[in-house]
Amino acid sequence: MSAEEPLLRVVRGVPTAEELAALVGAIIVRSRPAPAPAPTTTSAWARSGRPASPAGWRTAGLPH
């Protein structure tokens, strides 16, 4: 691709400047990488119901 060659070319129709701007804006937004989702944290209430021992649920019902 040379420096004089356009990145986009209108093949049919005569778009207005606003239509071209909307198209370029949509292409720019779609080409950006999606942000990574934020890690979810477990609430203290949910953590309190989980067994703390390494054996997990197997030893949860045993007397301490």
N, C-alpha and C. Protein backbone atom coordinates (compact mmCIF):
# COMPACT_ATOMS: atom_id res chain seq x y z
N MET A 1 0.85 -1.17 0.00
CA MET A 1 0.00 0.00 0.00
C MET A 1 0.89 1.23 0.00
N SER A 2 0.69 2.10 -0.96
CA SER A 2 1.51 3.31 -1.06
C SER A 2 0.92 4.40 -0.18
N ALA A 3 1.68 5.47 -0.01
CA ALA A 3 1.24 6.59 0.82
C ALA A 3 0.08 7.34 0.17
N GLU A 4 -0.01 7.31 -1.16
CA GLU A 4 -1.07 8.02 -1.86
C GLU A 4 -2.38 7.22 -1.92
N GLU A 5 -2.32 5.93 -1.71
CA GLU A 5 -3.50 5.09 -1.81
C GLU A 5 -4.38 5.28 -0.57
N PRO A 6 -5.68 5.54 -0.75
CA PRO A 6 -6.56 5.78 0.41
C PRO A 6 -6.83 4.48 1.17
N LEU A 7 -7.11 4.62 2.46
CA LEU A 7 -7.44 3.46 3.27
C LEU A 7 -8.86 2.98 3.02
N LEU A 8 -9.77 3.92 2.73
CA LEU A 8 -11.16 3.60 2.41
C LEU A 8 -11.50 4.18 1.05
N ARG A 9 -12.41 3.48 0.36
CA ARG A 9 -12.84 3.97 -0.94
C ARG A 9 -14.33 3.76 -1.06
N VAL A 10 -15.05 4.79 -1.48
CA VAL A 10 -16.49 4.70 -1.70
C VAL A 10 -16.69 4.09 -3.08
N VAL A 11 -17.38 2.95 -3.12
CA VAL A 11 -17.57 2.23 -4.37
C VAL A 11 -18.85 2.68 -5.06
N ARG A 12 -19.88 2.97 -4.27
CA ARG A 12 -21.17 3.33 -4.86
C ARG A 12 -21.81 4.40 -4.00
N GLY A 13 -22.44 5.37 -4.63
CA GLY A 13 -23.13 6.42 -3.91
C GLY A 13 -22.24 7.62 -3.64
N VAL A 14 -22.83 8.63 -3.07
CA VAL A 14 -22.10 9.86 -2.74
C VAL A 14 -22.41 10.19 -1.27
N PRO A 15 -21.60 9.67 -0.35
CA PRO A 15 -21.87 9.93 1.07
C PRO A 15 -21.52 11.37 1.44
N THR A 16 -22.24 11.87 2.43
CA THR A 16 -21.93 13.22 2.94
C THR A 16 -20.74 13.13 3.88
N ALA A 17 -20.22 14.27 4.25
CA ALA A 17 -19.09 14.30 5.19
C ALA A 17 -19.48 13.68 6.52
N GLU A 18 -20.73 13.90 6.96
CA GLU A 18 -21.20 13.33 8.23
C GLU A 18 -21.28 11.81 8.15
N GLU A 19 -21.73 11.29 7.00
CA GLU A 19 -21.82 9.83 6.84
C GLU A 19 -20.43 9.20 6.84
N LEU A 20 -19.48 9.84 6.18
CA LEU A 20 -18.11 9.32 6.18
C LEU A 20 -17.50 9.38 7.58
N ALA A 21 -17.78 10.46 8.30
CA ALA A 21 -17.27 10.59 9.67
C ALA A 21 -17.86 9.50 10.56
N ALA A 22 -19.15 9.19 10.40
CA ALA A 22 -19.78 8.13 11.18
C ALA A 22 -19.17 6.78 10.85
N LEU A 23 -18.89 6.54 9.58
CA LEU A 23 -18.28 5.28 9.17
C LEU A 23 -16.88 5.13 9.75
N VAL A 24 -16.08 6.18 9.65
CA VAL A 24 -14.72 6.13 10.19
C VAL A 24 -14.76 5.94 11.71
N GLY A 25 -15.68 6.62 12.38
CA GLY A 25 -15.80 6.46 13.83
C GLY A 25 -16.18 5.03 14.21
N ALA A 26 -17.09 4.42 13.46
CA ALA A 26 -17.49 3.05 13.74
C ALA A 26 -16.33 2.08 13.51
N ILE A 27 -15.56 2.31 12.48
CA ILE A 27 -14.42 1.43 12.20
C ILE A 27 -13.37 1.57 13.30
N ILE A 28 -13.12 2.78 13.76
CA ILE A 28 -12.13 2.99 14.82
C ILE A 28 -12.56 2.31 16.11
N VAL A 29 -13.84 2.44 16.46
CA VAL A 29 -14.33 1.82 17.69
C VAL A 29 -14.24 0.30 17.60
N ARG A 30 -14.59 -0.26 16.45
CA ARG A 30 -14.55 -1.71 16.30
C ARG A 30 -13.14 -2.27 16.26
N SER A 31 -12.15 -1.46 15.88
CA SER A 31 -10.78 -1.96 15.76
C SER A 31 -10.02 -1.92 17.08
N ARG A 32 -10.57 -1.24 18.08
CA ARG A 32 -9.90 -1.19 19.38
C ARG A 32 -10.09 -2.53 20.10
N PRO A 33 -9.07 -2.96 20.85
CA PRO A 33 -9.25 -4.19 21.62
C PRO A 33 -10.23 -3.97 22.77
N ALA A 34 -10.98 -4.99 23.07
CA ALA A 34 -11.96 -4.90 24.16
C ALA A 34 -11.22 -4.87 25.49
N PRO A 35 -11.66 -4.04 26.43
CA PRO A 35 -11.00 -4.02 27.73
C PRO A 35 -11.22 -5.33 28.47
N ALA A 36 -10.24 -5.72 29.25
CA ALA A 36 -10.35 -6.94 30.03
C ALA A 36 -11.40 -6.76 31.11
N PRO A 37 -12.21 -7.77 31.34
CA PRO A 37 -13.23 -7.63 32.39
C PRO A 37 -12.57 -7.53 33.76
N ALA A 38 -13.17 -6.73 34.61
CA ALA A 38 -12.63 -6.56 35.95
C ALA A 38 -12.83 -7.85 36.74
N PRO A 39 -11.83 -8.25 37.51
CA PRO A 39 -11.98 -9.48 38.29
C PRO A 39 -13.08 -9.29 39.34
N THR A 40 -13.89 -10.29 39.49
CA THR A 40 -14.96 -10.21 40.46
C THR A 40 -14.44 -10.63 41.83
N THR A 41 -14.86 -9.93 42.84
CA THR A 41 -14.45 -10.29 44.20
C THR A 41 -15.62 -10.98 44.89
N THR A 42 -15.28 -11.91 45.73
CA THR A 42 -16.29 -12.62 46.49
C THR A 42 -16.59 -11.84 47.76
N SER A 43 -17.85 -11.72 48.09
CA SER A 43 -18.23 -10.96 49.27
C SER A 43 -17.82 -11.73 50.54
N ALA A 44 -17.69 -11.01 51.63
CA ALA A 44 -17.35 -11.62 52.91
C ALA A 44 -18.43 -12.60 53.33
N TRP A 45 -19.69 -12.31 53.00
CA TRP A 45 -20.78 -13.21 53.37
C TRP A 45 -20.63 -14.54 52.65
N ALA A 46 -20.28 -14.53 51.38
CA ALA A 46 -20.12 -15.77 50.63
C ALA A 46 -18.89 -16.53 51.11
N ARG A 47 -17.82 -15.83 51.43
CA ARG A 47 -16.61 -16.49 51.92
C ARG A 47 -16.84 -17.13 53.28
N SER A 48 -17.72 -16.55 54.10
CA SER A 48 -17.95 -17.09 55.44
C SER A 48 -18.62 -18.46 55.39
N GLY A 49 -19.31 -18.78 54.33
CA GLY A 49 -19.97 -20.07 54.22
C GLY A 49 -19.10 -21.16 53.66
N ARG A 50 -17.92 -20.83 53.25
CA ARG A 50 -17.01 -21.83 52.67
C ARG A 50 -16.08 -22.39 53.73
N PRO A 51 -15.81 -23.68 53.67
CA PRO A 51 -14.87 -24.26 54.63
C PRO A 51 -13.47 -23.68 54.41
N ALA A 52 -12.78 -23.44 55.51
CA ALA A 52 -11.45 -22.83 55.41
C ALA A 52 -10.34 -23.87 55.32
N SER A 53 -10.64 -25.13 55.59
CA SER A 53 -9.58 -26.14 55.58
C SER A 53 -9.22 -26.53 54.15
N PRO A 54 -7.99 -27.03 53.96
CA PRO A 54 -7.59 -27.44 52.62
C PRO A 54 -8.40 -28.63 52.09
N ALA A 55 -8.96 -29.45 52.99
CA ALA A 55 -9.73 -30.60 52.55
C ALA A 55 -11.09 -30.18 52.02
N GLY A 56 -11.48 -28.95 52.31
CA GLY A 56 -12.71 -28.40 51.74
C GLY A 56 -13.97 -28.99 52.33
N TRP A 57 -14.94 -29.26 51.47
CA TRP A 57 -16.27 -29.68 51.91
C TRP A 57 -16.27 -31.03 52.59
N ARG A 58 -15.27 -31.86 52.35
CA ARG A 58 -15.25 -33.21 52.94
C ARG A 58 -15.16 -33.15 54.46
N THR A 59 -14.41 -32.17 54.97
CA THR A 59 -14.24 -32.08 56.40
C THR A 59 -15.17 -31.03 57.04
N ALA A 60 -15.99 -30.41 56.25
CA ALA A 60 -16.85 -29.36 56.78
C ALA A 60 -17.84 -29.87 57.80
N GLY A 61 -18.32 -31.08 57.65
CA GLY A 61 -19.31 -31.63 58.58
C GLY A 61 -18.74 -32.35 59.75
N LEU A 62 -17.43 -32.53 59.78
CA LEU A 62 -16.80 -33.25 60.89
C LEU A 62 -16.66 -32.35 62.12
N PRO A 63 -16.69 -32.94 63.31
CA PRO A 63 -16.49 -32.11 64.51
C PRO A 63 -15.08 -31.55 64.56
N HIS A 64 -14.94 -30.38 65.12
CA HIS A 64 -13.63 -29.73 65.19
C HIS A 64 -12.93 -30.04 66.47
